[in-house]
């Protein structure tokens, strides 16, 4: 067993940087805690769930996936390579790591995405088990747990001694980090040390709804008037999708000058009014109710039917960040009540 003094998380990060890793960790930035590139002297925050997810490290909000140059009336393709530095995401939450099963499936389903996979292969995910939760957490409702190891390469478990973290490798990537501390001259010597400790009990996250009942109701009630009620408060801003660790929709746009151009992949969201707008002007989801129906049914009906995975990990970011206070967990609770009551 390896132990880490929680007060030495910065030393841990510094040793990883010295070993050639880029470190992404929860840090205070712009008045909020977010997963961002760690730099020397930045305190690593373990007392708050970051507003963004590990998705940011694997699927950038905007990235160049193609380049070209104009040559008279013709054009020439230029090489575009993924930006995939060797990275450790440190102190991500278990609900973030759990999202990787869905993301890995999507980006390797009918086409192996070179850009996503390059970053995925270069990234080691070290999670921090949750010792507390808030009223937006619902990982236990979707098959997760506050100390789940799904998708993680290593996990840090808070010990009964509040200042100690237990480092548990879970994959070859995780064991490679542990090996950095081997011997007196190891990169993590004096930071990651041998020892014994008892883990603190994880957070008690209540089960808020049954996703099977949500899926059952969705399959039978595509045209239910409840979708209108559920969507009335939604502003269509997309904040929920951008913060969500499993939302993966993107758009592709070209930007060019007279001499050269780039092809960009940009985040998109089914909650935005232009998401399904056709060039003809027709929009099959012209109302917010239809867009909310798509969001819920994709996560709890369509995705599970196709991939046997729920496209939601219960992180609760949608509820925390929504300017109108709309949380998908509360929407699912209303759907469950409708299902149990037999109402449409």
C-alpha atoms as a PDB file:
ATOM      1  CA  UNK A   1       0.000   0.000   0.000  1.00  0.00           C
ATOM      2  CA  UNK A   2       1.240   3.507  -0.841  1.00  0.00           C
ATOM      3  CA  UNK A   3       0.305   6.515   1.271  1.00  0.00           C
ATOM      4  CA  UNK A   4       0.256  10.182   0.359  1.00  0.00           C
ATOM      5  CA  UNK A   5       0.094  13.102   2.764  1.00  0.00           C
ATOM      6  CA  UNK A   6      -2.780  15.226   1.458  1.00  0.00           C
ATOM      7  CA  UNK A   7      -0.712  18.321   2.229  1.00  0.00           C
ATOM      8  CA  UNK A   8       1.840  17.069  -0.313  1.00  0.00           C
ATOM      9  CA  UNK A   9      -0.498  16.869  -3.300  1.00  0.00           C
ATOM     10  CA  UNK A  10       1.436  19.771  -4.791  1.00  0.00           C
ATOM     11  CA  UNK A  11       4.691  17.843  -4.331  1.00  0.00           C
ATOM     12  CA  UNK A  12       3.048  14.834  -5.984  1.00  0.00           C
ATOM     13  CA  UNK A  13       2.020  16.984  -8.954  1.00  0.00           C
ATOM     14  CA  UNK A  14       5.487  18.551  -9.162  1.00  0.00           C
ATOM     15  CA  UNK A  15       7.121  15.106  -9.228  1.00  0.00           C
ATOM     16  CA  UNK A  16       4.799  14.046 -12.060  1.00  0.00           C
ATOM     17  CA  UNK A  17       5.707  17.176 -14.020  1.00  0.00           C
ATOM     18  CA  UNK A  18       9.390  16.416 -13.452  1.00  0.00           C
ATOM     19  CA  UNK A  19       8.752  12.927 -14.824  1.00  0.00           C
ATOM     20  CA  UNK A  20       7.409  14.420 -18.053  1.00  0.00           C
ATOM     21  CA  UNK A  21       3.672  14.532 -17.413  1.00  0.00           C
ATOM     22  CA  UNK A  22       1.289  17.399 -17.916  1.00  0.00           C
ATOM     23  CA  UNK A  23      -0.845  17.502 -14.755  1.00  0.00           C
ATOM     24  CA  UNK A  24      -4.498  18.518 -14.808  1.00  0.00           C
ATOM     25  CA  UNK A  25      -5.998  18.966 -11.348  1.00  0.00           C
ATOM     26  CA  UNK A  26      -8.815  20.819  -9.545  1.00  0.00           C
ATOM     27  CA  UNK A  27      -7.578  24.353  -8.957  1.00  0.00           C
ATOM     28  CA  UNK A  28      -9.228  27.690  -8.194  1.00  0.00           C
ATOM     29  CA  UNK A  29      -9.607  29.621 -11.424  1.00  0.00           C
ATOM     30  CA  UNK A  30     -11.854  32.599 -12.078  1.00  0.00           C
ATOM     31  CA  UNK A  31     -13.619  32.232  -8.744  1.00  0.00           C
ATOM     32  CA  UNK A  32     -14.536  28.578  -9.258  1.00  0.00           C
ATOM     33  CA  UNK A  33     -12.809  25.210  -8.867  1.00  0.00           C
ATOM     34  CA  UNK A  34     -12.147  23.607 -12.222  1.00  0.00           C
ATOM     35  CA  UNK A  35      -9.919  20.931 -13.729  1.00  0.00           C
ATOM     36  CA  UNK A  36      -7.091  22.880 -15.342  1.00  0.00           C
ATOM     37  CA  UNK A  37      -3.390  22.524 -16.025  1.00  0.00           C
ATOM     38  CA  UNK A  38      -1.521  22.610 -12.745  1.00  0.00           C
ATOM     39  CA  UNK A  39       1.436  24.932 -12.328  1.00  0.00           C
ATOM     40  CA  UNK A  40       3.924  25.106  -9.490  1.00  0.00           C
ATOM     41  CA  UNK A  41       2.522  26.774  -6.405  1.00  0.00           C
ATOM     42  CA  UNK A  42      -1.144  26.223  -7.271  1.00  0.00           C
ATOM     43  CA  UNK A  43      -3.095  24.612  -4.391  1.00  0.00           C
ATOM     44  CA  UNK A  44      -4.922  21.451  -5.459  1.00  0.00           C
ATOM     45  CA  UNK A  45      -8.506  21.677  -4.236  1.00  0.00           C
ATOM     46  CA  UNK A  46     -10.091  18.491  -2.900  1.00  0.00           C
ATOM     47  CA  UNK A  47     -12.968  20.199  -1.102  1.00  0.00           C
ATOM     48  CA  UNK A  48     -15.171  20.884  -4.140  1.00  0.00           C
ATOM     49  CA  UNK A  49     -16.374  19.066  -7.241  1.00  0.00           C
ATOM     50  CA  UNK A  50     -14.884  20.870 -10.264  1.00  0.00           C
ATOM     51  CA  UNK A  51     -17.357  22.660 -12.521  1.00  0.00           C
ATOM     52  CA  UNK A  52     -15.930  20.880 -15.569  1.00  0.00           C
ATOM     53  CA  UNK A  53     -15.153  17.214 -16.175  1.00  0.00           C
ATOM     54  CA  UNK A  54     -12.343  15.012 -17.436  1.00  0.00           C
ATOM     55  CA  UNK A  55     -13.986  15.299 -20.876  1.00  0.00           C
ATOM     56  CA  UNK A  56     -12.142  18.599 -21.355  1.00  0.00           C
ATOM     57  CA  UNK A  57      -8.809  16.750 -21.415  1.00  0.00           C
ATOM     58  CA  UNK A  58      -9.967  14.203 -23.994  1.00  0.00           C
ATOM     59  CA  UNK A  59     -12.360  16.140 -26.231  1.00  0.00           C
ATOM     60  CA  UNK A  60     -11.409  19.844 -26.395  1.00  0.00           C
ATOM     61  CA  UNK A  61     -14.194  22.373 -26.844  1.00  0.00           C
ATOM     62  CA  UNK A  62     -12.630  23.264 -30.191  1.00  0.00           C
ATOM     63  CA  UNK A  63      -9.813  21.567 -32.077  1.00  0.00           C
ATOM     64  CA  UNK A  64      -8.277  21.532 -35.540  1.00  0.00           C
ATOM     65  CA  UNK A  65      -8.801  18.154 -37.211  1.00  0.00           C
ATOM     66  CA  UNK A  66      -7.767  19.128 -40.742  1.00  0.00           C
ATOM     67  CA  UNK A  67      -5.711  21.694 -42.646  1.00  0.00           C
ATOM     68  CA  UNK A  68      -5.614  22.659 -46.309  1.00  0.00           C
ATOM     69  CA  UNK A  69      -4.077  25.229 -48.620  1.00  0.00           C
ATOM     70  CA  UNK A  70      -5.503  26.702 -51.823  1.00  0.00           C
ATOM     71  CA  UNK A  71      -3.502  26.268 -55.019  1.00  0.00           C
ATOM     72  CA  UNK A  72      -5.226  28.193 -57.774  1.00  0.00           C
ATOM     73  CA  UNK A  73      -8.518  26.438 -58.452  1.00  0.00           C
ATOM     74  CA  UNK A  74      -7.394  23.380 -56.479  1.00  0.00           C
ATOM     75  CA  UNK A  75      -6.393  22.750 -52.896  1.00  0.00           C
ATOM     76  CA  UNK A  76      -3.862  20.565 -51.085  1.00  0.00           C
ATOM     77  CA  UNK A  77      -4.467  18.737 -47.823  1.00  0.00           C
ATOM     78  CA  UNK A  78      -1.983  19.366 -45.039  1.00  0.00           C
ATOM     79  CA  UNK A  79      -1.217  17.144 -42.079  1.00  0.00           C
ATOM     80  CA  UNK A  80      -3.139  17.728 -38.830  1.00  0.00           C
ATOM     81  CA  UNK A  81      -1.979  15.842 -35.769  1.00  0.00           C
ATOM     82  CA  UNK A  82      -3.762  15.523 -32.412  1.00  0.00           C
ATOM     83  CA  UNK A  83      -2.311  17.450 -29.493  1.00  0.00           C
ATOM     84  CA  UNK A  84      -1.819  14.583 -27.064  1.00  0.00           C
ATOM     85  CA  UNK A  85       0.823  15.264 -24.398  1.00  0.00           C
ATOM     86  CA  UNK A  86       1.450  12.640 -21.724  1.00  0.00           C
ATOM     87  CA  UNK A  87      -1.056  13.680 -19.046  1.00  0.00           C
ATOM     88  CA  UNK A  88      -2.174  12.792 -15.536  1.00  0.00           C
ATOM     89  CA  UNK A  89      -5.631  13.965 -14.492  1.00  0.00           C
ATOM     90  CA  UNK A  90      -5.182  14.140 -10.726  1.00  0.00           C
ATOM     91  CA  UNK A  91      -8.042  14.111  -8.211  1.00  0.00           C
ATOM     92  CA  UNK A  92     -10.804  13.692 -10.764  1.00  0.00           C
ATOM     93  CA  UNK A  93     -14.042  12.374  -9.267  1.00  0.00           C
ATOM     94  CA  UNK A  94     -15.199   8.751  -9.706  1.00  0.00           C
ATOM     95  CA  UNK A  95     -18.223   9.998 -11.655  1.00  0.00           C
ATOM     96  CA  UNK A  96     -15.794  11.528 -14.165  1.00  0.00           C
ATOM     97  CA  UNK A  97     -13.797   8.335 -14.632  1.00  0.00           C
ATOM     98  CA  UNK A  98     -17.027   6.352 -14.990  1.00  0.00           C
ATOM     99  CA  UNK A  99     -17.908   8.462 -18.043  1.00  0.00           C
ATOM    100  CA  UNK A 100     -14.958   7.038 -19.974  1.00  0.00           C
ATOM    101  CA  UNK A 101     -16.815   3.807 -20.745  1.00  0.00           C
ATOM    102  CA  UNK A 102     -19.414   5.782 -22.692  1.00  0.00           C
ATOM    103  CA  UNK A 103     -16.879   8.089 -24.328  1.00  0.00           C
ATOM    104  CA  UNK A 104     -14.568   5.228 -25.350  1.00  0.00           C
ATOM    105  CA  UNK A 105     -17.549   3.427 -26.872  1.00  0.00           C
ATOM    106  CA  UNK A 106     -18.774   6.410 -28.882  1.00  0.00           C
ATOM    107  CA  UNK A 107     -15.377   7.277 -30.324  1.00  0.00           C
ATOM    108  CA  UNK A 108     -14.599   3.679 -31.283  1.00  0.00           C
ATOM    109  CA  UNK A 109     -18.050   2.424 -32.291  1.00  0.00           C
ATOM    110  CA  UNK A 110     -18.311   2.709 -36.087  1.00  0.00           C
ATOM    111  CA  UNK A 111     -15.107   4.730 -36.527  1.00  0.00           C
ATOM    112  CA  UNK A 112     -11.937   4.901 -34.467  1.00  0.00           C
ATOM    113  CA  UNK A 113     -11.351   8.583 -33.774  1.00  0.00           C
ATOM    114  CA  UNK A 114      -7.611   9.241 -34.060  1.00  0.00           C
ATOM    115  CA  UNK A 115      -7.707  12.497 -32.101  1.00  0.00           C
ATOM    116  CA  UNK A 116      -9.730  11.210 -29.147  1.00  0.00           C
ATOM    117  CA  UNK A 117      -7.806   7.942 -28.937  1.00  0.00           C
ATOM    118  CA  UNK A 118      -4.406   9.644 -29.034  1.00  0.00           C
ATOM    119  CA  UNK A 119      -5.325  11.714 -25.985  1.00  0.00           C
ATOM    120  CA  UNK A 120      -7.005   8.775 -24.266  1.00  0.00           C
ATOM    121  CA  UNK A 121      -3.890   6.627 -24.664  1.00  0.00           C
ATOM    122  CA  UNK A 122      -1.695   9.428 -23.321  1.00  0.00           C
ATOM    123  CA  UNK A 123      -3.878  10.134 -20.281  1.00  0.00           C
ATOM    124  CA  UNK A 124      -3.719   8.548 -16.832  1.00  0.00           C
ATOM    125  CA  UNK A 125      -6.738   9.187 -14.619  1.00  0.00           C
ATOM    126  CA  UNK A 126      -6.234   9.299 -10.834  1.00  0.00           C
ATOM    127  CA  UNK A 127      -9.528   9.738  -9.014  1.00  0.00           C
ATOM    128  CA  UNK A 128     -10.303  10.919  -5.498  1.00  0.00           C
ATOM    129  CA  UNK A 129     -13.013   8.925  -3.718  1.00  0.00           C
ATOM    130  CA  UNK A 130     -15.781  11.172  -2.432  1.00  0.00           C
ATOM    131  CA  UNK A 131     -16.017  11.428   1.354  1.00  0.00           C
ATOM    132  CA  UNK A 132     -18.960  13.841   1.104  1.00  0.00           C
ATOM    133  CA  UNK A 133     -21.693  14.749  -1.366  1.00  0.00           C
ATOM    134  CA  UNK A 134     -24.345  17.406  -1.951  1.00  0.00           C
ATOM    135  CA  UNK A 135     -28.014  17.275  -2.923  1.00  0.00           C
ATOM    136  CA  UNK A 136     -27.145  17.219  -6.634  1.00  0.00           C
ATOM    137  CA  UNK A 137     -25.050  14.022  -6.473  1.00  0.00           C
ATOM    138  CA  UNK A 138     -26.827  10.895  -7.719  1.00  0.00           C
ATOM    139  CA  UNK A 139     -24.121   8.448  -8.894  1.00  0.00           C
ATOM    140  CA  UNK A 140     -25.811   5.590  -7.025  1.00  0.00           C
ATOM    141  CA  UNK A 141     -28.944   6.077  -9.151  1.00  0.00           C
ATOM    142  CA  UNK A 142     -27.084   5.207 -12.366  1.00  0.00           C
ATOM    143  CA  UNK A 143     -24.943   2.290 -11.211  1.00  0.00           C
ATOM    144  CA  UNK A 144     -22.036   4.280  -9.789  1.00  0.00           C
ATOM    145  CA  UNK A 145     -20.630   4.843  -6.335  1.00  0.00           C
ATOM    146  CA  UNK A 146     -18.676   7.606  -4.561  1.00  0.00           C
ATOM    147  CA  UNK A 147     -15.674   5.268  -4.381  1.00  0.00           C
ATOM    148  CA  UNK A 148     -16.147   3.494  -7.729  1.00  0.00           C
ATOM    149  CA  UNK A 149     -12.984   2.441  -9.538  1.00  0.00           C
ATOM    150  CA  UNK A 150     -14.631   2.231 -12.985  1.00  0.00           C
ATOM    151  CA  UNK A 151     -12.516   3.932 -15.630  1.00  0.00           C
ATOM    152  CA  UNK A 152      -9.762   4.993 -13.217  1.00  0.00           C
ATOM    153  CA  UNK A 153      -6.094   4.058 -13.500  1.00  0.00           C
ATOM    154  CA  UNK A 154      -5.567   4.717  -9.788  1.00  0.00           C
ATOM    155  CA  UNK A 155      -7.692   5.958  -6.918  1.00  0.00           C
ATOM    156  CA  UNK A 156      -6.877   8.065  -3.888  1.00  0.00           C
ATOM    157  CA  UNK A 157      -8.979   7.045  -0.889  1.00  0.00           C
ATOM    158  CA  UNK A 158      -9.187   9.398   2.108  1.00  0.00           C
ATOM    159  CA  UNK A 159      -7.996   7.581   5.218  1.00  0.00           C
ATOM    160  CA  UNK A 160      -9.470   7.768   8.697  1.00  0.00           C
ATOM    161  CA  UNK A 161      -6.508  10.010   9.454  1.00  0.00           C
ATOM    162  CA  UNK A 162      -7.816  13.130   7.688  1.00  0.00           C
ATOM    163  CA  UNK A 163      -4.374  14.076   6.386  1.00  0.00           C
ATOM    164  CA  UNK A 164      -3.633  10.760   4.679  1.00  0.00           C
ATOM    165  CA  UNK A 165      -4.656   9.515   1.243  1.00  0.00           C
ATOM    166  CA  UNK A 166      -4.320   5.865   0.216  1.00  0.00           C
ATOM    167  CA  UNK A 167      -2.972   5.458  -3.326  1.00  0.00           C
ATOM    168  CA  UNK A 168      -4.313   2.334  -5.043  1.00  0.00           C
ATOM    169  CA  UNK A 169      -3.124   1.531  -8.595  1.00  0.00           C
ATOM    170  CA  UNK A 170      -5.807  -0.061 -10.783  1.00  0.00           C
ATOM    171  CA  UNK A 171      -4.127  -0.406 -14.189  1.00  0.00           C
ATOM    172  CA  UNK A 172      -0.696  -0.520 -15.791  1.00  0.00           C
ATOM    173  CA  UNK A 173      -0.828   3.268 -16.129  1.00  0.00           C
ATOM    174  CA  UNK A 174      -1.565   3.589 -12.427  1.00  0.00           C
ATOM    175  CA  UNK A 175       1.199   1.168 -11.488  1.00  0.00           C
ATOM    176  CA  UNK A 176       3.617   3.198 -13.633  1.00  0.00           C
ATOM    177  CA  UNK A 177       2.910   6.195 -11.402  1.00  0.00           C
ATOM    178  CA  UNK A 178       3.504   4.120  -8.268  1.00  0.00           C
ATOM    179  CA  UNK A 179       6.795   2.921  -9.717  1.00  0.00           C
ATOM    180  CA  UNK A 180       7.981   6.515 -10.029  1.00  0.00           C
ATOM    181  CA  UNK A 181       8.386   6.408  -6.268  1.00  0.00           C
ATOM    182  CA  UNK A 182      10.342   3.152  -6.131  1.00  0.00           C
ATOM    183  CA  UNK A 183      13.632   3.384  -4.275  1.00  0.00           C
ATOM    184  CA  UNK A 184      15.228   6.244  -2.413  1.00  0.00           C
ATOM    185  CA  UNK A 185      15.908   8.138  -5.653  1.00  0.00           C
ATOM    186  CA  UNK A 186      12.464   7.677  -7.155  1.00  0.00           C
ATOM    187  CA  UNK A 187      10.736  10.751  -8.515  1.00  0.00           C
ATOM    188  CA  UNK A 188       8.116  10.409  -5.802  1.00  0.00           C
ATOM    189  CA  UNK A 189      10.533   9.488  -3.033  1.00  0.00           C
ATOM    190  CA  UNK A 190       9.296  10.974   0.245  1.00  0.00           C
ATOM    191  CA  UNK A 191       5.908  11.783  -1.303  1.00  0.00           C
ATOM    192  CA  UNK A 192       4.370   8.410  -2.103  1.00  0.00           C
ATOM    193  CA  UNK A 193       5.518   6.126   0.723  1.00  0.00           C
ATOM    194  CA  UNK A 194       4.896   2.571   1.900  1.00  0.00           C
ATOM    195  CA  UNK A 195       2.526   2.161   4.831  1.00  0.00           C
ATOM    196  CA  UNK A 196      -0.814   1.006   6.175  1.00  0.00           C
ATOM    197  CA  UNK A 197      -4.023   2.969   6.753  1.00  0.00           C
ATOM    198  CA  UNK A 198      -7.751   2.383   6.999  1.00  0.00           C
ATOM    199  CA  UNK A 199      -9.949   4.093   4.407  1.00  0.00           C
ATOM    200  CA  UNK A 200     -12.655   6.467   5.538  1.00  0.00           C
ATOM    201  CA  UNK A 201     -16.218   5.382   4.671  1.00  0.00           C
ATOM    202  CA  UNK A 202     -17.317   6.934   1.352  1.00  0.00           C
ATOM    203  CA  UNK A 203     -20.077   9.489   1.069  1.00  0.00           C
ATOM    204  CA  UNK A 204     -23.639   8.269   1.558  1.00  0.00           C
ATOM    205  CA  UNK A 205     -25.215   9.180  -1.795  1.00  0.00           C
ATOM    206  CA  UNK A 206     -28.959   8.412  -1.777  1.00  0.00           C
ATOM    207  CA  UNK A 207     -30.617   6.623  -4.693  1.00  0.00           C
ATOM    208  CA  UNK A 208     -32.907   9.267  -6.162  1.00  0.00           C
ATOM    209  CA  UNK A 209     -34.618   7.339  -9.001  1.00  0.00           C
ATOM    210  CA  UNK A 210     -34.634   4.051 -10.919  1.00  0.00           C
ATOM    211  CA  UNK A 211     -33.252   4.530 -14.454  1.00  0.00           C
ATOM    212  CA  UNK A 212     -35.119   1.423 -15.673  1.00  0.00           C
ATOM    213  CA  UNK A 213     -38.459   3.066 -14.866  1.00  0.00           C
ATOM    214  CA  UNK A 214     -37.318   6.230 -16.628  1.00  0.00           C
ATOM    215  CA  UNK A 215     -36.405   4.210 -19.737  1.00  0.00           C
ATOM    216  CA  UNK A 216     -39.705   2.289 -19.616  1.00  0.00           C
ATOM    217  CA  UNK A 217     -41.754   5.487 -19.470  1.00  0.00           C
ATOM    218  CA  UNK A 218     -39.722   7.162 -22.223  1.00  0.00           C
ATOM    219  CA  UNK A 219     -40.262   4.280 -24.636  1.00  0.00           C
ATOM    220  CA  UNK A 220     -44.030   4.510 -24.239  1.00  0.00           C
ATOM    221  CA  UNK A 221     -44.517   8.282 -24.040  1.00  0.00           C
ATOM    222  CA  UNK A 222     -42.728   9.979 -26.923  1.00  0.00           C
ATOM    223  CA  UNK A 223     -45.623  12.434 -27.403  1.00  0.00           C
ATOM    224  CA  UNK A 224     -46.439  12.993 -23.733  1.00  0.00           C
ATOM    225  CA  UNK A 225     -47.432  16.535 -22.698  1.00  0.00           C
ATOM    226  CA  UNK A 226     -45.127  16.092 -19.706  1.00  0.00           C
ATOM    227  CA  UNK A 227     -42.172  16.943 -21.976  1.00  0.00           C
ATOM    228  CA  UNK A 228     -43.549  20.476 -22.289  1.00  0.00           C
ATOM    229  CA  UNK A 229     -43.810  20.830 -18.499  1.00  0.00           C
ATOM    230  CA  UNK A 230     -40.292  19.479 -18.026  1.00  0.00           C
ATOM    231  CA  UNK A 231     -38.834  21.957 -20.504  1.00  0.00           C
ATOM    232  CA  UNK A 232     -40.574  25.172 -19.477  1.00  0.00           C
ATOM    233  CA  UNK A 233     -37.734  26.439 -17.268  1.00  0.00           C
ATOM    234  CA  UNK A 234     -34.990  25.520 -19.758  1.00  0.00           C
ATOM    235  CA  UNK A 235     -33.207  28.478 -21.365  1.00  0.00           C
ATOM    236  CA  UNK A 236     -31.521  26.384 -24.048  1.00  0.00           C
ATOM    237  CA  UNK A 237     -28.082  27.700 -23.089  1.00  0.00           C
ATOM    238  CA  UNK A 238     -26.205  24.371 -23.328  1.00  0.00           C
ATOM    239  CA  UNK A 239     -24.405  24.744 -19.972  1.00  0.00           C
ATOM    240  CA  UNK A 240     -25.568  21.288 -18.865  1.00  0.00           C
ATOM    241  CA  UNK A 241     -24.159  19.574 -21.956  1.00  0.00           C
ATOM    242  CA  UNK A 242     -20.843  21.385 -21.856  1.00  0.00           C
ATOM    243  CA  UNK A 243     -20.302  20.440 -18.196  1.00  0.00           C
ATOM    244  CA  UNK A 244     -21.556  16.874 -18.659  1.00  0.00           C
ATOM    245  CA  UNK A 245     -18.793  14.231 -18.747  1.00  0.00           C
ATOM    246  CA  UNK A 246     -20.686  12.040 -21.249  1.00  0.00           C
ATOM    247  CA  UNK A 247     -22.194  14.598 -23.652  1.00  0.00           C
ATOM    248  CA  UNK A 248     -20.150  14.251 -26.813  1.00  0.00           C
ATOM    249  CA  UNK A 249     -22.065  15.968 -29.634  1.00  0.00           C
ATOM    250  CA  UNK A 250     -19.982  18.136 -31.936  1.00  0.00           C
ATOM    251  CA  UNK A 251     -20.266  20.183 -35.111  1.00  0.00           C
ATOM    252  CA  UNK A 252     -17.670  20.545 -37.870  1.00  0.00           C
ATOM    253  CA  UNK A 253     -16.917  23.915 -39.475  1.00  0.00           C
ATOM    254  CA  UNK A 254     -14.319  25.212 -41.920  1.00  0.00           C
ATOM    255  CA  UNK A 255     -12.557  28.542 -41.418  1.00  0.00           C
ATOM    256  CA  UNK A 256     -10.298  29.891 -44.126  1.00  0.00           C
ATOM    257  CA  UNK A 257      -8.507  32.822 -45.665  1.00  0.00           C
ATOM    258  CA  UNK A 258      -7.810  33.162 -49.386  1.00  0.00           C
ATOM    259  CA  UNK A 259      -4.673  31.061 -48.969  1.00  0.00           C
ATOM    260  CA  UNK A 260      -5.403  28.351 -46.404  1.00  0.00           C
ATOM    261  CA  UNK A 261      -7.970  26.948 -44.042  1.00  0.00           C
ATOM    262  CA  UNK A 262      -8.670  24.628 -41.144  1.00  0.00           C
ATOM    263  CA  UNK A 263     -11.442  22.193 -40.340  1.00  0.00           C
ATOM    264  CA  UNK A 264     -12.614  22.537 -36.738  1.00  0.00           C
ATOM    265  CA  UNK A 265     -14.504  20.188 -34.456  1.00  0.00           C
ATOM    266  CA  UNK A 266     -16.526  22.176 -31.911  1.00  0.00           C
ATOM    267  CA  UNK A 267     -18.741  21.109 -29.038  1.00  0.00           C
ATOM    268  CA  UNK A 268     -22.451  21.229 -29.751  1.00  0.00           C
ATOM    269  CA  UNK A 269     -25.565  20.360 -27.766  1.00  0.00           C
ATOM    270  CA  UNK A 270     -28.963  18.873 -28.535  1.00  0.00           C
ATOM    271  CA  UNK A 271     -30.420  21.523 -26.233  1.00  0.00           C
ATOM    272  CA  UNK A 272     -29.476  24.362 -28.595  1.00  0.00           C
ATOM    273  CA  UNK A 273     -32.082  25.662 -31.023  1.00  0.00           C
ATOM    274  CA  UNK A 274     -29.827  25.370 -34.087  1.00  0.00           C
ATOM    275  CA  UNK A 275     -28.665  21.822 -33.344  1.00  0.00           C
ATOM    276  CA  UNK A 276     -31.017  20.128 -35.828  1.00  0.00           C
ATOM    277  CA  UNK A 277     -31.747  23.099 -38.113  1.00  0.00           C
ATOM    278  CA  UNK A 278     -31.569  21.942 -41.742  1.00  0.00           C
ATOM    279  CA  UNK A 279     -30.163  24.091 -44.530  1.00  0.00           C
ATOM    280  CA  UNK A 280     -33.698  24.125 -45.959  1.00  0.00           C
ATOM    281  CA  UNK A 281     -34.872  25.996 -42.872  1.00  0.00           C
ATOM    282  CA  UNK A 282     -36.779  23.016 -41.474  1.00  0.00           C
ATOM    283  CA  UNK A 283     -36.061  22.108 -37.858  1.00  0.00           C
ATOM    284  CA  UNK A 284     -37.469  18.751 -36.669  1.00  0.00           C
ATOM    285  CA  UNK A 285     -36.914  19.845 -33.048  1.00  0.00           C
ATOM    286  CA  UNK A 286     -38.109  23.414 -33.235  1.00  0.00           C
ATOM    287  CA  UNK A 287     -39.490  23.431 -29.670  1.00  0.00           C
ATOM    288  CA  UNK A 288     -37.500  23.201 -26.443  1.00  0.00           C
ATOM    289  CA  UNK A 289     -39.759  20.344 -25.295  1.00  0.00           C
ATOM    290  CA  UNK A 290     -38.553  18.214 -28.205  1.00  0.00           C
ATOM    291  CA  UNK A 291     -34.961  19.072 -27.412  1.00  0.00           C
ATOM    292  CA  UNK A 292     -35.376  18.147 -23.732  1.00  0.00           C
ATOM    293  CA  UNK A 293     -37.037  14.890 -24.765  1.00  0.00           C
ATOM    294  CA  UNK A 294     -34.027  14.107 -26.949  1.00  0.00           C
ATOM    295  CA  UNK A 295     -31.603  14.824 -24.097  1.00  0.00           C
ATOM    296  CA  UNK A 296     -33.376  12.562 -21.617  1.00  0.00           C
ATOM    297  CA  UNK A 297     -34.153   9.774 -24.067  1.00  0.00           C
ATOM    298  CA  UNK A 298     -30.619   9.721 -25.445  1.00  0.00           C
ATOM    299  CA  UNK A 299     -29.123   9.283 -21.996  1.00  0.00           C
ATOM    300  CA  UNK A 300     -31.617   6.836 -20.506  1.00  0.00           C
ATOM    301  CA  UNK A 301     -33.209   5.036 -23.458  1.00  0.00           C
ATOM    302  CA  UNK A 302     -31.361   5.266 -26.788  1.00  0.00           C
ATOM    303  CA  UNK A 303     -27.798   4.901 -25.448  1.00  0.00           C
ATOM    304  CA  UNK A 304     -28.609   1.969 -23.120  1.00  0.00           C
ATOM    305  CA  UNK A 305     -30.476   0.180 -25.923  1.00  0.00           C
ATOM    306  CA  UNK A 306     -27.531   0.525 -28.296  1.00  0.00           C
ATOM    307  CA  UNK A 307     -24.528   0.194 -25.981  1.00  0.00           C
ATOM    308  CA  UNK A 308     -25.865  -1.253 -22.691  1.00  0.00           C
ATOM    309  CA  UNK A 309     -24.596   1.852 -20.900  1.00  0.00           C
ATOM    310  CA  UNK A 310     -26.434   4.768 -19.296  1.00  0.00           C
ATOM    311  CA  UNK A 311     -25.059   8.021 -20.721  1.00  0.00           C
ATOM    312  CA  UNK A 312     -25.126   9.720 -17.324  1.00  0.00           C
ATOM    313  CA  UNK A 313     -22.825   9.214 -14.334  1.00  0.00           C
ATOM    314  CA  UNK A 314     -24.757  11.189 -11.710  1.00  0.00           C
ATOM    315  CA  UNK A 315     -22.144  13.920 -11.261  1.00  0.00           C
ATOM    316  CA  UNK A 316     -24.853  16.548 -10.727  1.00  0.00           C
ATOM    317  CA  UNK A 317     -23.071  19.320 -12.640  1.00  0.00           C
ATOM    318  CA  UNK A 318     -26.148  20.036 -14.756  1.00  0.00           C
ATOM    319  CA  UNK A 319     -28.146  20.921 -11.642  1.00  0.00           C
ATOM    320  CA  UNK A 320     -25.363  22.947 -10.043  1.00  0.00           C
ATOM    321  CA  UNK A 321     -24.642  25.021 -13.137  1.00  0.00           C
ATOM    322  CA  UNK A 322     -28.082  25.480 -14.696  1.00  0.00           C
ATOM    323  CA  UNK A 323     -29.040  29.174 -14.419  1.00  0.00           C
ATOM    324  CA  UNK A 324     -32.702  28.123 -14.186  1.00  0.00           C
ATOM    325  CA  UNK A 325     -32.109  25.370 -11.622  1.00  0.00           C
ATOM    326  CA  UNK A 326     -33.079  22.485 -13.930  1.00  0.00           C
ATOM    327  CA  UNK A 327     -31.418  19.198 -12.899  1.00  0.00           C
ATOM    328  CA  UNK A 328     -31.704  16.015 -14.908  1.00  0.00           C
ATOM    329  CA  UNK A 329     -32.017  14.038 -11.657  1.00  0.00           C
ATOM    330  CA  UNK A 330     -35.171  15.970 -10.740  1.00  0.00           C
ATOM    331  CA  UNK A 331     -36.525  15.467 -14.264  1.00  0.00           C
ATOM    332  CA  UNK A 332     -35.943  11.725 -13.902  1.00  0.00           C
ATOM    333  CA  UNK A 333     -37.694  11.718 -10.532  1.00  0.00           C
ATOM    334  CA  UNK A 334     -40.756  13.338 -12.104  1.00  0.00           C
ATOM    335  CA  UNK A 335     -40.711  10.777 -14.917  1.00  0.00           C
ATOM    336  CA  UNK A 336     -40.417   7.946 -12.389  1.00  0.00           C
ATOM    337  CA  UNK A 337     -43.451   9.261 -10.499  1.00  0.00           C
ATOM    338  CA  UNK A 338     -45.385   9.417 -13.788  1.00  0.00           C
ATOM    339  CA  UNK A 339     -44.315   5.851 -14.570  1.00  0.00           C
ATOM    340  CA  UNK A 340     -45.455   4.547 -11.177  1.00  0.00           C
ATOM    341  CA  UNK A 341     -48.750   6.433 -11.462  1.00  0.00           C
ATOM    342  CA  UNK A 342     -49.336   5.149 -14.973  1.00  0.00           C
ATOM    343  CA  UNK A 343     -49.753   8.678 -16.340  1.00  0.00           C
ATOM    344  CA  UNK A 344     -48.637   9.954 -19.728  1.00  0.00           C
END
